[in-house]
Amino acid sequence: MKNLGFTLPGLANFYMHGQWVALGGGLPPAGFNGRALARILCKKHGKRFAAAE
């Protein structure tokens, strides 16, 4: 099994996020995936990613 990823083929500018996107599901993976997606979007748009602890 593998992660589903954040995008779907054929849908430009569409990103999936939620508890069912990662293996195992649940809230902790959703939080980690939200951060990963934010980092991807920042890189795509040339923005610096900075997260508060």
C-alpha atoms as a PDB file:
ATOM      1  CA  MET A   1       0.000   0.000   0.000  1.00  0.00           C
ATOM      2  CA  LYS A   2       1.092   3.589  -0.520  1.00  0.00           C
ATOM      3  CA  ASN A   3      -0.083   7.103   0.235  1.00  0.00           C
ATOM      4  CA  LEU A   4      -2.698   8.439  -2.143  1.00  0.00           C
ATOM      5  CA  GLY A   5      -0.857  11.710  -2.664  1.00  0.00           C
ATOM      6  CA  PHE A   6      -2.239  15.227  -2.713  1.00  0.00           C
ATOM      7  CA  THR A   7      -3.294  15.554  -6.374  1.00  0.00           C
ATOM      8  CA  LEU A   8      -5.500  13.831  -8.905  1.00  0.00           C
ATOM      9  CA  PRO A   9      -4.516  13.378 -12.564  1.00  0.00           C
ATOM     10  CA  GLY A  10      -6.414  15.704 -14.870  1.00  0.00           C
ATOM     11  CA  LEU A  11      -7.411  18.212 -12.182  1.00  0.00           C
ATOM     12  CA  ALA A  12      -5.193  21.286 -12.251  1.00  0.00           C
ATOM     13  CA  ASN A  13      -4.806  23.205  -8.990  1.00  0.00           C
ATOM     14  CA  PHE A  14      -6.727  20.570  -7.004  1.00  0.00           C
ATOM     15  CA  TYR A  15      -5.178  19.287  -3.780  1.00  0.00           C
ATOM     16  CA  MET A  16      -6.616  16.666  -1.448  1.00  0.00           C
ATOM     17  CA  HIS A  17      -6.100  16.815   2.286  1.00  0.00           C
ATOM     18  CA  GLY A  18      -7.723  14.979   5.148  1.00  0.00           C
ATOM     19  CA  GLN A  19      -7.666  11.972   7.391  1.00  0.00           C
ATOM     20  CA  TRP A  20      -8.047   9.450   4.567  1.00  0.00           C
ATOM     21  CA  VAL A  21      -5.202  10.685   2.340  1.00  0.00           C
ATOM     22  CA  ALA A  22      -2.463   8.929   4.358  1.00  0.00           C
ATOM     23  CA  LEU A  23      -2.133   5.332   5.423  1.00  0.00           C
ATOM     24  CA  GLY A  24      -3.658   4.660   8.798  1.00  0.00           C
ATOM     25  CA  GLY A  25      -5.968   7.655   8.676  1.00  0.00           C
ATOM     26  CA  GLY A  26      -6.911   9.685  11.701  1.00  0.00           C
ATOM     27  CA  LEU A  27      -6.094  13.123  13.024  1.00  0.00           C
ATOM     28  CA  PRO A  28      -2.299  12.911  13.582  1.00  0.00           C
ATOM     29  CA  PRO A  29      -1.547  11.961   9.941  1.00  0.00           C
ATOM     30  CA  ALA A  30      -3.991  14.658   8.776  1.00  0.00           C
ATOM     31  CA  GLY A  31      -1.981  17.256  10.692  1.00  0.00           C
ATOM     32  CA  PHE A  32       1.337  16.054   9.299  1.00  0.00           C
ATOM     33  CA  ASN A  33      -0.109  15.969   5.776  1.00  0.00           C
ATOM     34  CA  GLY A  34      -1.530  19.471   6.154  1.00  0.00           C
ATOM     35  CA  ARG A  35       1.926  20.757   6.975  1.00  0.00           C
ATOM     36  CA  ALA A  36       3.439  18.835   4.047  1.00  0.00           C
ATOM     37  CA  LEU A  37       0.832  20.230   1.653  1.00  0.00           C
ATOM     38  CA  ALA A  38       1.411  23.783   2.915  1.00  0.00           C
ATOM     39  CA  ARG A  39       5.141  23.303   2.288  1.00  0.00           C
ATOM     40  CA  ILE A  40       4.457  22.042  -1.265  1.00  0.00           C
ATOM     41  CA  LEU A  41       2.199  25.006  -2.037  1.00  0.00           C
ATOM     42  CA  CYS A  42       4.710  27.507  -0.653  1.00  0.00           C
ATOM     43  CA  LYS A  43       7.448  26.015  -2.826  1.00  0.00           C
ATOM     44  CA  LYS A  44       5.181  26.068  -5.890  1.00  0.00           C
ATOM     45  CA  HIS A  45       4.390  29.755  -5.384  1.00  0.00           C
ATOM     46  CA  GLY A  46       7.936  30.803  -4.448  1.00  0.00           C
ATOM     47  CA  LYS A  47       7.086  31.564  -0.815  1.00  0.00           C
ATOM     48  CA  ARG A  48       9.201  30.786   2.242  1.00  0.00           C
ATOM     49  CA  PHE A  49       7.615  28.121   4.451  1.00  0.00           C
ATOM     50  CA  ALA A  50       7.714  28.896   8.159  1.00  0.00           C
ATOM     51  CA  ALA A  51       5.680  27.063  10.779  1.00  0.00           C
ATOM     52  CA  ALA A  52       5.277  27.987  14.432  1.00  0.00           C
ATOM     53  CA  GLU A  53       5.919  25.287  16.999  1.00  0.00           C
END
